[in-house]
Amino acid sequence: MAQFVPVEKKQQIIKEIMDEGKSVDVASEHGVSTKAIYTWLRDGIGGDSRDPEISRLKRELNAVYSVLGKVTAELKHPKR
């Protein structure tokens, strides 16, 4: 049977995984399954991916990458 884990605890567990990079070890330390952790990540428990600020920053980052790619291409193949 699934156990209830408060959101704060889920966020703490996900932060530990992001810091340490070993979901299996962190999951066993806290007595939860890796499947539960991956479900939390999919659902955005570790940081709400539906946050408007995060969405805005992702769009801005993609725009910067686009400009950077164009500048890099121009530097590699300058017009004569």
Protein backbone atom coordinates (compact mmCIF):
# COMPACT_ATOMS: atom_id res chain seq x y z
CA MET A 1 0.00 0.00 0.00
CA ALA A 2 1.27 3.47 -0.84
CA GLN A 3 2.27 5.69 2.02
CA PHE A 4 1.47 9.38 2.26
CA VAL A 5 4.53 11.61 1.89
CA PRO A 6 4.09 15.35 2.54
CA VAL A 7 5.06 17.68 -0.31
CA GLU A 8 7.85 19.23 1.77
CA LYS A 9 9.39 15.78 2.30
CA LYS A 10 9.08 14.99 -1.42
CA GLN A 11 10.86 18.24 -2.27
CA GLN A 12 13.62 17.43 0.23
CA ILE A 13 14.11 13.95 -1.25
CA ILE A 14 14.22 15.30 -4.81
CA LYS A 15 16.72 17.98 -3.78
CA GLU A 16 18.96 15.30 -2.28
CA ILE A 17 18.77 13.34 -5.52
CA MET A 18 19.67 16.41 -7.56
CA ASP A 19 22.63 17.09 -5.25
CA GLU A 20 23.87 13.50 -4.97
CA GLY A 21 22.66 12.08 -8.29
CA LYS A 22 21.73 8.65 -6.89
CA SER A 23 17.98 8.13 -6.76
CA VAL A 24 18.21 4.50 -5.62
CA ASP A 25 20.33 5.34 -2.57
CA VAL A 26 18.22 8.34 -1.56
CA ALA A 27 15.00 6.39 -2.08
CA SER A 28 16.12 3.57 0.19
CA GLU A 29 17.33 6.04 2.85
CA HIS A 30 13.84 7.55 3.00
CA GLY A 31 11.91 4.31 2.55
CA VAL A 32 10.25 5.24 -0.75
CA SER A 33 10.41 3.57 -4.13
CA THR A 34 12.27 5.00 -7.10
CA LYS A 35 9.02 4.66 -9.05
CA ALA A 36 7.38 7.09 -6.59
CA ILE A 37 10.27 9.52 -7.02
CA TYR A 38 10.01 9.42 -10.81
CA THR A 39 6.26 10.01 -10.50
CA TRP A 40 6.91 13.06 -8.31
CA LEU A 41 9.39 14.39 -10.86
CA ARG A 42 6.92 13.82 -13.71
CA ASP A 43 4.22 15.59 -11.72
CA GLY A 44 6.51 18.54 -10.99
CA ILE A 45 6.80 18.03 -7.22
CA GLY A 46 10.51 18.96 -7.16
CA GLY A 47 9.86 22.34 -8.63
CA ASP A 48 6.69 23.27 -10.40
CA SER A 49 7.53 23.31 -14.09
CA ARG A 50 4.22 25.07 -14.67
CA ASP A 51 5.47 28.10 -12.80
CA PRO A 52 5.10 31.12 -15.13
CA GLU A 53 8.52 32.48 -14.16
CA ILE A 54 10.20 29.21 -15.10
CA SER A 55 8.35 29.13 -18.41
CA ARG A 56 9.40 32.71 -19.15
CA LEU A 57 13.03 31.95 -18.32
CA LYS A 58 13.01 28.85 -20.55
CA ARG A 59 11.67 30.93 -23.47
CA GLU A 60 14.31 33.58 -22.82
CA LEU A 61 17.06 30.96 -22.68
CA ASN A 62 15.91 29.44 -25.97
CA ALA A 63 15.99 32.89 -27.58
CA VAL A 64 19.56 33.41 -26.34
CA TYR A 65 20.58 29.99 -27.71
CA SER A 66 19.06 30.92 -31.06
CA VAL A 67 21.01 34.17 -31.26
CA LEU A 68 24.18 32.44 -30.08
CA GLY A 69 23.80 29.79 -32.77
CA LYS A 70 23.41 32.44 -35.49
CA VAL A 71 26.45 34.38 -34.27
CA THR A 72 28.53 31.19 -34.07
CA ALA A 73 27.55 30.26 -37.63
CA GLU A 74 28.46 33.74 -38.87
CA LEU A 75 31.85 33.55 -37.15
CA LYS A 76 32.60 30.15 -38.67
CA HIS A 77 31.53 31.25 -42.15
CA PRO A 78 32.09 35.00 -42.48
CA LYS A 79 30.71 36.81 -45.51
CA ARG A 80 33.45 37.99 -47.82
